Each structure stands twice: as structure tokens, then as C-alpha cells.
C-alpha atoms as a PDB file:
ATOM      1  CA  MET A   1       0.000   0.000   0.000  1.00  0.00           C
ATOM      2  CA  SER A   2       1.294   3.429  -0.915  1.00  0.00           C
ATOM      3  CA  SER A   3       2.146   5.861   1.866  1.00  0.00           C
ATOM      4  CA  ASP A   4       0.346   8.609  -0.062  1.00  0.00           C
ATOM      5  CA  ILE A   5      -2.950   6.751   0.315  1.00  0.00           C
ATOM      6  CA  ALA A   6      -2.411   6.079   4.021  1.00  0.00           C
ATOM      7  CA  THR A   7      -1.456   9.719   4.626  1.00  0.00           C
ATOM      8  CA  SER A   8      -4.515  11.050   2.811  1.00  0.00           C
ATOM      9  CA  ILE A   9      -6.780   8.747   4.860  1.00  0.00           C
ATOM     10  CA  ALA A  10      -5.203   9.946   8.112  1.00  0.00           C
ATOM     11  CA  ARG A  11      -5.669  13.582   7.108  1.00  0.00           C
ATOM     12  CA  GLU A  12      -9.307  13.049   6.198  1.00  0.00           C
ATOM     13  CA  ASP A  13      -9.967  11.362   9.547  1.00  0.00           C
ATOM     14  CA  ALA A  14      -8.417  14.288  11.469  1.00  0.00           C
ATOM     15  CA  ARG A  15     -10.643  16.946   9.903  1.00  0.00           C
ATOM     16  CA  PRO A  16     -13.985  15.938  11.473  1.00  0.00           C
ATOM     17  CA  VAL A  17     -12.347  15.732  14.893  1.00  0.00           C
ATOM     18  CA  SER A  18     -11.140  19.342  14.648  1.00  0.00           C
ATOM     19  CA  ARG A  19     -14.603  20.478  13.521  1.00  0.00           C
ATOM     20  CA  ASP A  20     -16.194  18.674  16.459  1.00  0.00           C
ATOM     21  CA  ARG A  21     -13.710  20.151  18.870  1.00  0.00           C
ATOM     22  CA  SER A  22     -14.233  23.677  17.561  1.00  0.00           C
ATOM     23  CA  ARG A  23     -17.996  23.153  17.887  1.00  0.00           C
ATOM     24  CA  ARG A  24     -17.426  21.986  21.431  1.00  0.00           C
ATOM     25  CA  ALA A  25     -15.376  25.089  22.187  1.00  0.00           C
ATOM     26  CA  VAL A  26     -18.087  27.336  20.754  1.00  0.00           C
ATOM     27  CA  ALA A  27     -20.714  25.488  22.780  1.00  0.00           C
ATOM     28  CA  VAL A  28     -18.692  25.951  25.974  1.00  0.00           C
ATOM     29  CA  GLN A  29     -18.196  29.643  25.210  1.00  0.00           C
ATOM     30  CA  LEU A  30     -21.931  30.121  24.626  1.00  0.00           C
ATOM     31  CA  LEU A  31     -23.043  28.532  27.905  1.00  0.00           C
ATOM     32  CA  GLY A  32     -22.213  31.615  29.989  1.00  0.00           C
ATOM     33  CA  PRO A  33     -23.927  34.237  27.800  1.00  0.00           C
ATOM     34  CA  LEU A  34     -26.963  31.998  27.302  1.00  0.00           C
ATOM     35  CA  THR A  35     -27.252  31.586  31.080  1.00  0.00           C
ATOM     36  CA  VAL A  36     -27.061  35.355  31.549  1.00  0.00           C
ATOM     37  CA  LEU A  37     -29.741  35.785  28.901  1.00  0.00           C
ATOM     38  CA  ALA A  38     -31.918  33.201  30.668  1.00  0.00           C
ATOM     39  CA  GLY A  39     -31.585  35.136  33.939  1.00  0.00           C
ATOM     40  CA  VAL A  40     -32.551  38.403  32.255  1.00  0.00           C
ATOM     41  CA  VAL A  41     -35.522  36.776  30.524  1.00  0.00           C
ATOM     42  CA  TRP A  42     -36.590  35.288  33.858  1.00  0.00           C
ATOM     43  CA  ALA A  43     -36.357  38.701  35.526  1.00  0.00           C
ATOM     44  CA  VAL A  44     -38.461  40.290  32.777  1.00  0.00           C
ATOM     45  CA  ALA A  45     -40.987  37.451  32.741  1.00  0.00           C
ATOM     46  CA  GLN A  46     -41.457  37.535  36.525  1.00  0.00           C
ATOM     47  CA  PRO A  47     -40.779  41.113  37.654  1.00  0.00           C
ATOM     48  CA  TYR A  48     -42.337  40.494  41.061  1.00  0.00           C
ATOM     49  CA  ARG A  49     -39.219  38.449  41.931  1.00  0.00           C
ATOM     50  CA  ILE A  50     -37.078  41.582  41.699  1.00  0.00           C
ATOM     51  CA  VAL A  51     -37.118  43.205  45.135  1.00  0.00           C
ATOM     52  CA  PHE A  52     -35.806  46.540  43.849  1.00  0.00           C
ATOM     53  CA  LEU A  53     -39.256  47.247  42.457  1.00  0.00           C
ATOM     54  CA  ASP A  54     -41.059  46.678  45.788  1.00  0.00           C
ATOM     55  CA  ARG A  55     -38.999  47.743  48.817  1.00  0.00           C
ATOM     56  CA  ASP A  56     -41.498  47.228  51.630  1.00  0.00           C
ATOM     57  CA  GLY A  57     -39.799  45.473  54.553  1.00  0.00           C
ATOM     58  CA  GLN A  58     -36.966  43.912  52.575  1.00  0.00           C
ATOM     59  CA  GLY A  59     -33.520  43.351  54.065  1.00  0.00           C
ATOM     60  CA  LEU A  60     -30.051  43.051  52.559  1.00  0.00           C
ATOM     61  CA  TYR A  61     -30.481  39.305  52.016  1.00  0.00           C
ATOM     62  CA  ASP A  62     -33.571  39.940  49.900  1.00  0.00           C
ATOM     63  CA  TYR A  63     -31.690  42.414  47.729  1.00  0.00           C
ATOM     64  CA  LEU A  64     -28.615  40.266  47.137  1.00  0.00           C
ATOM     65  CA  PHE A  65     -30.034  36.763  46.771  1.00  0.00           C
ATOM     66  CA  GLN A  66     -32.723  36.989  44.144  1.00  0.00           C
ATOM     67  CA  PRO A  67     -32.985  33.946  41.862  1.00  0.00           C
ATOM     68  CA  PRO A  68     -32.783  35.808  38.518  1.00  0.00           C
ATOM     69  CA  LEU A  69     -29.779  37.804  39.717  1.00  0.00           C
ATOM     70  CA  LEU A  70     -28.075  34.628  40.921  1.00  0.00           C
ATOM     71  CA  VAL A  71     -28.587  33.034  37.503  1.00  0.00           C
ATOM     72  CA  VAL A  72     -27.017  36.091  35.850  1.00  0.00           C
ATOM     73  CA  ALA A  73     -24.098  35.974  38.309  1.00  0.00           C
ATOM     74  CA  VAL A  74     -23.486  32.269  37.664  1.00  0.00           C
ATOM     75  CA  GLY A  75     -23.513  32.912  33.915  1.00  0.00           C
ATOM     76  CA  LEU A  76     -20.972  35.712  34.281  1.00  0.00           C
ATOM     77  CA  VAL A  77     -18.680  33.654  36.518  1.00  0.00           C
ATOM     78  CA  PHE A  78     -18.818  30.753  34.083  1.00  0.00           C
ATOM     79  CA  ALA A  79     -18.158  32.969  31.054  1.00  0.00           C
ATOM     80  CA  LEU A  80     -15.286  34.876  32.667  1.00  0.00           C
ATOM     81  CA  ALA A  81     -13.628  32.288  34.917  1.00  0.00           C
ATOM     82  CA  VAL A  82     -14.498  28.742  33.841  1.00  0.00           C
ATOM     83  CA  ALA A  83     -15.041  28.812  30.065  1.00  0.00           C
ATOM     84  CA  PRO A  84     -11.604  30.176  29.067  1.00  0.00           C
ATOM     85  CA  GLY A  85      -9.871  27.302  30.850  1.00  0.00           C
ATOM     86  CA  LEU A  86     -12.174  24.728  29.320  1.00  0.00           C
ATOM     87  CA  VAL A  87     -11.639  26.141  25.832  1.00  0.00           C
ATOM     88  CA  ALA A  88      -7.872  26.136  26.378  1.00  0.00           C
ATOM     89  CA  ASP A  89      -8.052  22.478  27.405  1.00  0.00           C
ATOM     90  CA  LEU A  90     -10.131  21.662  24.330  1.00  0.00           C
ATOM     91  CA  ASP A  91      -7.619  23.469  22.105  1.00  0.00           C
ATOM     92  CA  ALA A  92      -4.695  21.653  23.734  1.00  0.00           C
ATOM     93  CA  ASP A  93      -6.490  18.356  23.362  1.00  0.00           C
ATOM     94  CA  GLU A  94      -7.149  19.147  19.704  1.00  0.00           C
ATOM     95  CA  GLY A  95      -3.451  19.849  19.192  1.00  0.00           C
ATOM     96  CA  ASP A  96      -2.545  16.523  20.800  1.00  0.00           C
ATOM     97  CA  ALA A  97      -5.035  14.649  18.623  1.00  0.00           C
ATOM     98  CA  SER A  98      -3.714  16.211  15.393  1.00  0.00           C
ATOM     99  CA  GLU A  99      -0.081  15.423  16.311  1.00  0.00           C
ATOM    100  CA  GLY A 100      -0.705  11.837  17.364  1.00  0.00           C
END
């Protein structure tokens, strides 16, 4: 068997893996912003959950720990702190797969 044929087969097999990995990286990067968007939609859909609009007898706990705001905060933390590391790992893993 010619080495040209074997090389072309190996190259064709590597291409779908890189596409899948880049799709995975995009999916990981979108999780944070989509979570933030879900929190904002939740806050708009149920405005009575936002204590800032109705201040009668509410304490600091009620202002800070509102479910829609917590969802937005989790989305921001994921997008800014977790996702970059995951994408870097996916990119490194993609580099290892293309070399090996």
C-alpha cells in the first residue's frame, strides 16, 4: 500500500475531529452568555421576583439573593472564569489529537 494513500486517509480522519472540537469550544463559550440571557428573561418574565421594584420590609439578604440575579451571576462567573480554561483544554487536546 502506498504511503500517499495512508497519509490522505489519516488527514481526512483528522478533519472531522477538529470540527467537532471547535464546535465543542463554541458550545462551551456560549453557555455563559446563554445563562445570563436566561436570567434576564426570567427577571423580565417575573418582575415580582425583583425586590428593587417593591422595597417594603426587605432586608439586605432579599436584595442580594434573588434567583434571577443569581442566575445572571453564575452565567458571568462561568463565562469569565471557567469557560476560558475549558476552551484552552479543548484546544490543547485538539493539538494533541492532530499530532498523534
